[in-house]
Amino acid sequence: MGMNDDVAGGVRTTSSYSMLRNYPLVASLLAFAIAQSIKFFTTWYKERRWDPKQLIGSGGMPSSHSATVTALALAIGYQEGFGGSLFATALVLACIVMYDATGVRLQAGRQAEVLNQIVYELPAEHPLAESRPLRELLGHTPPQVIAGGLLGLITASIGQLITMITR
């Protein structure tokens, strides 16, 4: 049992306070929130319009998926050690997520662009002419994934420094 766990009637419970002290969880969620916020404000800066979808949507710069899994893996490494199986698991997960973002999801997004263009050019009487467009921003380019990874690295590292200072 961890030192932040409470025992109530023989049942192990975790308080919300101890969840807030879970450094890997906080680092990964913070990296995700920062990445999504960057997309939100970048859209406003470029297009001069607020787009709330940017706060939860996938695709774009930086990759929030990459930021999240990189921060998680590094925070686990800082907390548990880089030689353990927990860090190895998180690192493999991060690599799979980032590979998938630039591979399968990016190609699916490009296929959606082509399919949407085909449907757009269909005659009005065609049964698919009124189809709802497919989502095109699914994956990431390699620079978007690298930027997300760097954001995750920075977030986890700053979190580690804060953790060390407040001990």
N, C-alpha and C. Protein backbone atom coordinates (compact mmCIF):
# COMPACT_ATOMS: atom_id res chain seq x y z
N MET A 1 0.84 -1.18 0.00
CA MET A 1 0.00 0.00 0.00
C MET A 1 0.88 1.25 0.00
N GLY A 2 0.50 2.23 -0.78
CA GLY A 2 1.26 3.48 -0.85
C GLY A 2 1.02 4.33 0.39
N MET A 3 1.92 5.30 0.59
CA MET A 3 1.78 6.11 1.79
C MET A 3 0.64 7.10 1.71
N ASN A 4 0.04 7.29 0.54
CA ASN A 4 -1.08 8.22 0.42
C ASN A 4 -2.43 7.50 0.38
N ASP A 5 -2.42 6.18 0.60
CA ASP A 5 -3.65 5.42 0.57
C ASP A 5 -4.28 5.39 1.96
N ASP A 6 -5.59 5.44 1.99
CA ASP A 6 -6.34 5.35 3.23
C ASP A 6 -6.99 3.98 3.29
N VAL A 7 -7.17 3.47 4.49
CA VAL A 7 -7.86 2.21 4.66
C VAL A 7 -9.14 2.48 5.43
N ALA A 8 -10.27 2.15 4.81
CA ALA A 8 -11.57 2.36 5.45
C ALA A 8 -12.28 1.02 5.50
N GLY A 9 -12.43 0.48 6.69
CA GLY A 9 -13.12 -0.79 6.84
C GLY A 9 -12.42 -1.92 6.09
N GLY A 10 -11.09 -1.89 6.03
CA GLY A 10 -10.35 -2.95 5.35
C GLY A 10 -10.28 -2.77 3.84
N VAL A 11 -10.92 -1.73 3.31
CA VAL A 11 -10.93 -1.49 1.87
C VAL A 11 -9.98 -0.34 1.58
N ARG A 12 -9.10 -0.54 0.60
CA ARG A 12 -8.14 0.49 0.24
C ARG A 12 -8.81 1.54 -0.63
N THR A 13 -8.71 2.80 -0.21
CA THR A 13 -9.26 3.90 -1.00
C THR A 13 -8.17 4.90 -1.28
N THR A 14 -8.32 5.63 -2.33
CA THR A 14 -7.35 6.66 -2.67
C THR A 14 -8.06 8.00 -2.64
N SER A 15 -7.55 8.90 -1.86
CA SER A 15 -8.17 10.21 -1.76
C SER A 15 -7.87 11.02 -3.01
N SER A 16 -8.71 12.00 -3.29
CA SER A 16 -8.48 12.86 -4.46
C SER A 16 -7.19 13.65 -4.26
N TYR A 17 -6.84 13.95 -3.03
CA TYR A 17 -5.60 14.66 -2.77
C TYR A 17 -4.40 13.84 -3.22
N SER A 18 -4.41 12.55 -2.94
CA SER A 18 -3.27 11.73 -3.34
C SER A 18 -3.21 11.58 -4.86
N MET A 19 -4.35 11.66 -5.53
CA MET A 19 -4.33 11.62 -6.99
C MET A 19 -3.66 12.87 -7.54
N LEU A 20 -3.87 14.01 -6.88
CA LEU A 20 -3.23 15.25 -7.31
C LEU A 20 -1.73 15.21 -7.07
N ARG A 21 -1.28 14.33 -6.19
CA ARG A 21 0.14 14.19 -5.91
C ARG A 21 0.77 13.08 -6.77
N ASN A 22 -0.01 12.51 -7.66
CA ASN A 22 0.50 11.48 -8.57
C ASN A 22 1.24 12.18 -9.71
N TYR A 23 2.54 12.33 -9.55
CA TYR A 23 3.34 13.12 -10.47
C TYR A 23 3.22 12.66 -11.94
N PRO A 24 3.30 11.37 -12.27
CA PRO A 24 3.15 10.99 -13.69
C PRO A 24 1.77 11.35 -14.26
N LEU A 25 0.73 11.19 -13.47
CA LEU A 25 -0.61 11.53 -13.93
C LEU A 25 -0.74 13.03 -14.16
N VAL A 26 -0.30 13.82 -13.19
CA VAL A 26 -0.39 15.27 -13.30
C VAL A 26 0.46 15.77 -14.47
N ALA A 27 1.67 15.27 -14.62
CA ALA A 27 2.55 15.71 -15.71
C ALA A 27 1.95 15.41 -17.07
N SER A 28 1.38 14.21 -17.22
CA SER A 28 0.81 13.85 -18.53
C SER A 28 -0.45 14.65 -18.83
N LEU A 29 -1.31 14.85 -17.85
CA LEU A 29 -2.52 15.65 -18.08
C LEU A 29 -2.18 17.12 -18.34
N LEU A 30 -1.17 17.63 -17.65
CA LEU A 30 -0.75 19.01 -17.87
C LEU A 30 -0.15 19.17 -19.27
N ALA A 31 0.64 18.22 -19.72
CA ALA A 31 1.22 18.28 -21.07
C ALA A 31 0.11 18.26 -22.12
N PHE A 32 -0.91 17.42 -21.89
CA PHE A 32 -2.06 17.37 -22.80
C PHE A 32 -2.77 18.72 -22.84
N ALA A 33 -3.03 19.29 -21.67
CA ALA A 33 -3.75 20.57 -21.59
C ALA A 33 -2.95 21.70 -22.24
N ILE A 34 -1.66 21.71 -22.05
CA ILE A 34 -0.83 22.74 -22.66
C ILE A 34 -0.85 22.61 -24.18
N ALA A 35 -0.70 21.38 -24.67
CA ALA A 35 -0.69 21.15 -26.13
C ALA A 35 -2.02 21.60 -26.74
N GLN A 36 -3.13 21.22 -26.12
CA GLN A 36 -4.44 21.60 -26.67
C GLN A 36 -4.63 23.12 -26.59
N SER A 37 -4.14 23.74 -25.52
CA SER A 37 -4.26 25.19 -25.39
C SER A 37 -3.45 25.90 -26.47
N ILE A 38 -2.28 25.37 -26.77
CA ILE A 38 -1.46 25.96 -27.84
C ILE A 38 -2.22 25.93 -29.15
N LYS A 39 -2.87 24.81 -29.45
CA LYS A 39 -3.67 24.70 -30.69
C LYS A 39 -4.80 25.72 -30.69
N PHE A 40 -5.46 25.86 -29.54
CA PHE A 40 -6.58 26.78 -29.41
C PHE A 40 -6.15 28.22 -29.69
N PHE A 41 -5.06 28.65 -29.04
CA PHE A 41 -4.60 30.03 -29.21
C PHE A 41 -3.94 30.26 -30.58
N THR A 42 -3.31 29.22 -31.13
CA THR A 42 -2.73 29.34 -32.47
C THR A 42 -3.83 29.55 -33.51
N THR A 43 -4.93 28.83 -33.36
CA THR A 43 -6.05 29.00 -34.28
C THR A 43 -6.60 30.42 -34.18
N TRP A 44 -6.72 30.94 -32.96
CA TRP A 44 -7.20 32.31 -32.81
C TRP A 44 -6.23 33.29 -33.46
N TYR A 45 -4.94 33.09 -33.25
CA TYR A 45 -3.94 34.01 -33.80
C TYR A 45 -3.96 33.99 -35.34
N LYS A 46 -4.04 32.79 -35.93
CA LYS A 46 -4.00 32.67 -37.39
C LYS A 46 -5.30 33.10 -38.05
N GLU A 47 -6.43 32.70 -37.46
CA GLU A 47 -7.73 32.90 -38.10
C GLU A 47 -8.59 33.96 -37.43
N ARG A 48 -8.14 34.51 -36.34
CA ARG A 48 -8.88 35.52 -35.58
C ARG A 48 -10.29 35.05 -35.22
N ARG A 49 -10.38 33.79 -34.83
CA ARG A 49 -11.65 33.24 -34.36
C ARG A 49 -11.35 32.19 -33.30
N TRP A 50 -12.27 32.11 -32.33
CA TRP A 50 -12.14 31.11 -31.27
C TRP A 50 -12.77 29.81 -31.75
N ASP A 51 -12.06 28.72 -31.65
CA ASP A 51 -12.57 27.42 -32.07
C ASP A 51 -12.44 26.44 -30.89
N PRO A 52 -13.51 26.31 -30.10
CA PRO A 52 -13.45 25.43 -28.92
C PRO A 52 -13.12 23.97 -29.25
N LYS A 53 -13.37 23.55 -30.49
CA LYS A 53 -13.04 22.17 -30.89
C LYS A 53 -11.54 21.91 -30.76
N GLN A 54 -10.73 22.96 -30.86
CA GLN A 54 -9.29 22.80 -30.75
C GLN A 54 -8.87 22.33 -29.35
N LEU A 55 -9.73 22.54 -28.36
CA LEU A 55 -9.40 22.12 -27.00
C LEU A 55 -9.52 20.61 -26.80
N ILE A 56 -10.27 19.95 -27.68
CA ILE A 56 -10.44 18.50 -27.52
C ILE A 56 -10.13 17.71 -28.79
N GLY A 57 -9.97 18.40 -29.92
CA GLY A 57 -9.78 17.72 -31.20
C GLY A 57 -8.38 17.14 -31.37
N SER A 58 -8.27 16.19 -32.29
CA SER A 58 -6.97 15.59 -32.60
C SER A 58 -6.37 16.26 -33.82
N GLY A 59 -5.09 16.04 -34.04
CA GLY A 59 -4.39 16.63 -35.16
C GLY A 59 -3.87 18.01 -34.82
N GLY A 60 -2.94 18.49 -35.63
CA GLY A 60 -2.42 19.83 -35.45
C GLY A 60 -1.12 19.87 -34.67
N MET A 61 -0.62 21.10 -34.51
CA MET A 61 0.68 21.35 -33.87
C MET A 61 0.48 21.94 -32.49
N PRO A 62 1.08 21.41 -31.47
CA PRO A 62 1.86 20.17 -31.39
C PRO A 62 0.94 18.98 -31.12
N SER A 63 1.47 17.79 -31.28
CA SER A 63 0.69 16.59 -31.01
C SER A 63 0.47 16.44 -29.50
N SER A 64 -0.79 16.51 -29.09
CA SER A 64 -1.09 16.35 -27.66
C SER A 64 -0.92 14.89 -27.23
N HIS A 65 -1.14 13.96 -28.16
CA HIS A 65 -0.91 12.55 -27.82
C HIS A 65 0.57 12.33 -27.50
N SER A 66 1.44 12.88 -28.34
CA SER A 66 2.88 12.73 -28.12
C SER A 66 3.31 13.42 -26.83
N ALA A 67 2.78 14.60 -26.58
CA ALA A 67 3.11 15.33 -25.36
C ALA A 67 2.69 14.52 -24.13
N THR A 68 1.50 13.95 -24.19
CA THR A 68 0.95 13.20 -23.06
C THR A 68 1.77 11.96 -22.74
N VAL A 69 2.03 11.13 -23.76
CA VAL A 69 2.74 9.88 -23.49
C VAL A 69 4.22 10.11 -23.19
N THR A 70 4.81 11.15 -23.76
CA THR A 70 6.21 11.46 -23.44
C THR A 70 6.33 11.93 -22.00
N ALA A 71 5.43 12.83 -21.59
CA ALA A 71 5.44 13.30 -20.20
C ALA A 71 5.20 12.13 -19.24
N LEU A 72 4.29 11.25 -19.59
CA LEU A 72 4.00 10.09 -18.74
C LEU A 72 5.23 9.20 -18.60
N ALA A 73 5.86 8.86 -19.72
CA ALA A 73 7.03 7.98 -19.68
C ALA A 73 8.17 8.61 -18.88
N LEU A 74 8.46 9.88 -19.14
CA LEU A 74 9.56 10.53 -18.42
C LEU A 74 9.25 10.68 -16.94
N ALA A 75 8.02 11.04 -16.61
CA ALA A 75 7.66 11.18 -15.19
C ALA A 75 7.78 9.85 -14.47
N ILE A 76 7.38 8.78 -15.13
CA ILE A 76 7.55 7.45 -14.53
C ILE A 76 9.03 7.14 -14.35
N GLY A 77 9.82 7.48 -15.37
CA GLY A 77 11.26 7.25 -15.28
C GLY A 77 11.88 8.04 -14.14
N TYR A 78 11.52 9.31 -14.02
CA TYR A 78 12.05 10.13 -12.93
C TYR A 78 11.64 9.58 -11.57
N GLN A 79 10.39 9.14 -11.47
CA GLN A 79 9.86 8.70 -10.17
C GLN A 79 10.30 7.29 -9.80
N GLU A 80 10.23 6.37 -10.76
CA GLU A 80 10.46 4.95 -10.47
C GLU A 80 11.85 4.46 -10.89
N GLY A 81 12.52 5.28 -11.70
CA GLY A 81 13.83 4.87 -12.22
C GLY A 81 13.70 4.45 -13.68
N PHE A 82 14.76 4.72 -14.43
CA PHE A 82 14.73 4.44 -15.87
C PHE A 82 15.10 3.00 -16.21
N GLY A 83 15.49 2.22 -15.20
CA GLY A 83 15.87 0.84 -15.46
C GLY A 83 14.77 -0.17 -15.20
N GLY A 84 13.61 0.29 -14.74
CA GLY A 84 12.56 -0.64 -14.35
C GLY A 84 11.60 -0.99 -15.48
N SER A 85 10.80 -1.99 -15.22
CA SER A 85 9.83 -2.46 -16.22
C SER A 85 8.68 -1.47 -16.41
N LEU A 86 8.36 -0.70 -15.39
CA LEU A 86 7.28 0.29 -15.53
C LEU A 86 7.68 1.37 -16.54
N PHE A 87 8.92 1.86 -16.45
CA PHE A 87 9.39 2.84 -17.43
C PHE A 87 9.44 2.22 -18.82
N ALA A 88 9.92 0.99 -18.91
CA ALA A 88 10.00 0.31 -20.21
C ALA A 88 8.63 0.20 -20.86
N THR A 89 7.63 -0.12 -20.06
CA THR A 89 6.26 -0.23 -20.57
C THR A 89 5.76 1.12 -21.07
N ALA A 90 5.99 2.17 -20.29
CA ALA A 90 5.55 3.51 -20.69
C ALA A 90 6.29 3.99 -21.94
N LEU A 91 7.57 3.66 -22.05
CA LEU A 91 8.36 4.06 -23.21
C LEU A 91 7.86 3.36 -24.48
N VAL A 92 7.59 2.08 -24.38
CA VAL A 92 7.08 1.33 -25.54
C VAL A 92 5.71 1.89 -25.94
N LEU A 93 4.85 2.16 -24.98
CA LEU A 93 3.55 2.75 -25.26
C LEU A 93 3.72 4.09 -25.98
N ALA A 94 4.63 4.93 -25.50
CA ALA A 94 4.87 6.24 -26.11
C ALA A 94 5.34 6.08 -27.56
N CYS A 95 6.23 5.15 -27.79
CA CYS A 95 6.73 4.92 -29.16
C CYS A 95 5.62 4.45 -30.08
N ILE A 96 4.76 3.57 -29.60
CA ILE A 96 3.64 3.08 -30.42
C ILE A 96 2.69 4.22 -30.75
N VAL A 97 2.35 5.03 -29.76
CA VAL A 97 1.43 6.15 -29.97
C VAL A 97 2.00 7.13 -30.99
N MET A 98 3.28 7.47 -30.86
CA MET A 98 3.88 8.43 -31.77
C MET A 98 4.05 7.86 -33.18
N TYR A 99 4.38 6.58 -33.28
CA TYR A 99 4.47 5.93 -34.59
C TYR A 99 3.10 5.90 -35.26
N ASP A 100 2.09 5.57 -34.49
CA ASP A 100 0.73 5.50 -35.02
C ASP A 100 0.25 6.88 -35.49
N ALA A 101 0.62 7.93 -34.76
CA ALA A 101 0.19 9.29 -35.12
C ALA A 101 0.74 9.71 -36.47
N THR A 102 1.99 9.32 -36.77
CA THR A 102 2.60 9.72 -38.03
C THR A 102 2.36 8.71 -39.14
N GLY A 103 1.87 7.54 -38.78
CA GLY A 103 1.66 6.49 -39.78
C GLY A 103 0.20 6.31 -40.11
N VAL A 104 -0.43 5.41 -39.41
CA VAL A 104 -1.81 5.01 -39.71
C VAL A 104 -2.77 6.19 -39.64
N ARG A 105 -2.73 6.96 -38.56
CA ARG A 105 -3.69 8.07 -38.40
C ARG A 105 -3.46 9.17 -39.42
N LEU A 106 -2.20 9.46 -39.75
CA LEU A 106 -1.92 10.49 -40.76
C LEU A 106 -2.44 10.05 -42.13
N GLN A 107 -2.20 8.79 -42.47
CA GLN A 107 -2.66 8.29 -43.77
C GLN A 107 -4.19 8.22 -43.82
N ALA A 108 -4.83 7.86 -42.71
CA ALA A 108 -6.30 7.84 -42.67
C ALA A 108 -6.86 9.25 -42.89
N GLY A 109 -6.20 10.25 -42.32
CA GLY A 109 -6.63 11.64 -42.52
C GLY A 109 -6.48 12.07 -43.97
N ARG A 110 -5.39 11.66 -44.60
CA ARG A 110 -5.18 12.00 -46.01
C ARG A 110 -6.20 11.30 -46.90
N GLN A 111 -6.54 10.07 -46.57
CA GLN A 111 -7.58 9.36 -47.32
C GLN A 111 -8.93 10.05 -47.14
N ALA A 112 -9.21 10.53 -45.94
CA ALA A 112 -10.47 11.25 -45.69
C ALA A 112 -10.55 12.51 -46.55
N GLU A 113 -9.43 13.21 -46.73
CA GLU A 113 -9.42 14.40 -47.59
C GLU A 113 -9.82 14.03 -49.02
N VAL A 114 -9.24 12.96 -49.54
CA VAL A 114 -9.53 12.52 -50.91
C VAL A 114 -10.99 12.10 -51.03
N LEU A 115 -11.47 11.31 -50.07
CA LEU A 115 -12.86 10.86 -50.12
C LEU A 115 -13.84 12.02 -50.01
N ASN A 116 -13.53 12.99 -49.17
CA ASN A 116 -14.40 14.17 -49.05
C ASN A 116 -14.45 14.94 -50.37
N GLN A 117 -13.32 15.04 -51.05
CA GLN A 117 -13.28 15.73 -52.34
C GLN A 117 -14.11 14.98 -53.38
N ILE A 118 -14.01 13.66 -53.37
CA ILE A 118 -14.79 12.84 -54.31
C ILE A 118 -16.28 13.05 -54.06
N VAL A 119 -16.69 12.97 -52.81
CA VAL A 119 -18.10 13.14 -52.46
C VAL A 119 -18.57 14.55 -52.82
N TYR A 120 -17.72 15.56 -52.61
CA TYR A 120 -18.07 16.94 -52.92
C TYR A 120 -18.35 17.11 -54.42
N GLU A 121 -17.65 16.36 -55.25
CA GLU A 121 -17.79 16.49 -56.70
C GLU A 121 -18.91 15.62 -57.29
N LEU A 122 -19.59 14.85 -56.44
CA LEU A 122 -20.70 14.01 -56.92
C LEU A 122 -21.88 14.89 -57.33
N PRO A 123 -22.66 14.43 -58.31
CA PRO A 123 -23.88 15.17 -58.66
C PRO A 123 -24.86 15.19 -57.48
N ALA A 124 -25.67 16.21 -57.40
CA ALA A 124 -26.59 16.40 -56.27
C ALA A 124 -27.54 15.23 -56.08
N GLU A 125 -27.92 14.55 -57.17
CA GLU A 125 -28.87 13.45 -57.06
C GLU A 125 -28.23 12.14 -56.60
N HIS A 126 -26.91 12.09 -56.48
CA HIS A 126 -26.23 10.87 -56.03
C HIS A 126 -26.56 10.64 -54.55
N PRO A 127 -26.81 9.38 -54.16
CA PRO A 127 -27.20 9.09 -52.76
C PRO A 127 -26.14 9.51 -51.72
N LEU A 128 -24.89 9.58 -52.11
CA LEU A 128 -23.85 9.96 -51.16
C LEU A 128 -23.53 11.45 -51.16
N ALA A 129 -24.19 12.21 -52.03
CA ALA A 129 -23.88 13.63 -52.18
C ALA A 129 -24.14 14.41 -50.89
N GLU A 130 -25.06 13.98 -50.07
CA GLU A 130 -25.39 14.67 -48.82
C GLU A 130 -24.71 14.05 -47.61
N SER A 131 -23.72 13.19 -47.84
CA SER A 131 -23.00 12.54 -46.73
C SER A 131 -22.27 13.58 -45.89
N ARG A 132 -22.22 13.31 -44.62
CA ARG A 132 -21.46 14.17 -43.72
C ARG A 132 -19.97 13.95 -44.00
N PRO A 133 -19.18 15.02 -44.11
CA PRO A 133 -17.75 14.87 -44.41
C PRO A 133 -17.00 14.09 -43.32
N LEU A 134 -16.00 13.36 -43.74
CA LEU A 134 -15.15 12.63 -42.80
C LEU A 134 -14.17 13.59 -42.13
N ARG A 135 -13.77 13.27 -40.91
CA ARG A 135 -12.76 14.08 -40.21
C ARG A 135 -11.42 13.89 -40.90
N GLU A 136 -10.78 15.00 -41.21
CA GLU A 136 -9.52 14.95 -41.93
C GLU A 136 -8.29 15.09 -41.03
N LEU A 137 -8.43 15.80 -39.92
CA LEU A 137 -7.30 15.98 -39.01
C LEU A 137 -7.27 14.84 -38.00
N LEU A 138 -6.65 13.74 -38.39
CA LEU A 138 -6.59 12.58 -37.51
C LEU A 138 -5.17 12.36 -36.99
N GLY A 139 -4.21 12.48 -37.87
CA GLY A 139 -2.83 12.18 -37.51
C GLY A 139 -1.97 13.42 -37.45
N HIS A 140 -0.66 13.20 -37.43
CA HIS A 140 0.30 14.28 -37.30
C HIS A 140 1.45 14.09 -38.26
N THR A 141 2.04 15.19 -38.66
CA THR A 141 3.28 15.14 -39.41
C THR A 141 4.42 14.90 -38.41
N PRO A 142 5.56 14.42 -38.89
CA PRO A 142 6.68 14.22 -37.95
C PRO A 142 7.06 15.46 -37.14
N PRO A 143 7.08 16.67 -37.72
CA PRO A 143 7.40 17.84 -36.87
C PRO A 143 6.37 18.06 -35.75
N GLN A 144 5.10 17.77 -36.00
CA GLN A 144 4.08 17.93 -34.96
C GLN A 144 4.31 16.93 -33.83
N VAL A 145 4.70 15.71 -34.18
CA VAL A 145 4.97 14.67 -33.18
C VAL A 145 6.23 15.03 -32.38
N ILE A 146 7.25 15.50 -33.08
CA ILE A 146 8.49 15.91 -32.38
C ILE A 146 8.20 17.06 -31.43
N ALA A 147 7.43 18.06 -31.87
CA ALA A 147 7.08 19.19 -31.01
C ALA A 147 6.31 18.71 -29.79
N GLY A 148 5.37 17.79 -29.98
CA GLY A 148 4.63 17.24 -28.85
C GLY A 148 5.54 16.50 -27.89
N GLY A 149 6.47 15.72 -28.44
CA GLY A 149 7.43 15.00 -27.59
C GLY A 149 8.28 15.95 -26.78
N LEU A 150 8.74 17.03 -27.42
CA LEU A 150 9.54 18.03 -26.70
C LEU A 150 8.73 18.71 -25.61
N LEU A 151 7.47 19.01 -25.91
CA LEU A 151 6.59 19.61 -24.90
C LEU A 151 6.43 18.66 -23.71
N GLY A 152 6.23 17.37 -23.98
CA GLY A 152 6.11 16.39 -22.91
C GLY A 152 7.38 16.29 -22.09
N LEU A 153 8.53 16.33 -22.77
CA LEU A 153 9.82 16.28 -22.09
C LEU A 153 9.99 17.48 -21.18
N ILE A 154 9.69 18.65 -21.68
CA ILE A 154 9.82 19.88 -20.89
C ILE A 154 8.86 19.86 -19.70
N THR A 155 7.62 19.46 -19.95
CA THR A 155 6.62 19.42 -18.87
C THR A 155 7.04 18.47 -17.76
N ALA A 156 7.45 17.27 -18.12
CA ALA A 156 7.86 16.28 -17.11
C ALA A 156 9.12 16.73 -16.38
N SER A 157 10.04 17.36 -17.09
CA SER A 157 11.29 17.80 -16.46
C SER A 157 11.05 18.95 -15.49
N ILE A 158 10.23 19.90 -15.87
CA ILE A 158 9.88 20.99 -14.95
C ILE A 158 9.13 20.43 -13.75
N GLY A 159 8.23 19.50 -13.99
CA GLY A 159 7.51 18.85 -12.90
C GLY A 159 8.46 18.14 -11.95
N GLN A 160 9.48 17.51 -12.50
CA GLN A 160 10.47 16.83 -11.65
C GLN A 160 11.24 17.83 -10.81
N LEU A 161 11.62 18.95 -11.40
CA LEU A 161 12.33 19.98 -10.64
C LEU A 161 11.46 20.52 -9.51
N ILE A 162 10.18 20.76 -9.80
CA ILE A 162 9.26 21.24 -8.76
C ILE A 162 9.10 20.20 -7.67
N THR A 163 8.99 18.95 -8.05
CA THR A 163 8.86 17.85 -7.09
C THR A 163 10.09 17.79 -6.17
N MET A 164 11.26 17.95 -6.76
CA MET A 164 12.49 17.90 -5.97
C MET A 164 12.58 19.08 -5.00
N ILE A 165 12.16 20.26 -5.44
CA ILE A 165 12.24 21.46 -4.62
C ILE A 165 11.26 21.40 -3.44
N THR A 166 10.07 20.83 -3.67
CA THR A 166 9.04 20.83 -2.64
C THR A 166 9.13 19.66 -1.68
N ARG A 167 10.09 18.82 -1.83
CA ARG A 167 10.22 17.68 -0.91
C ARG A 167 10.78 18.10 0.40
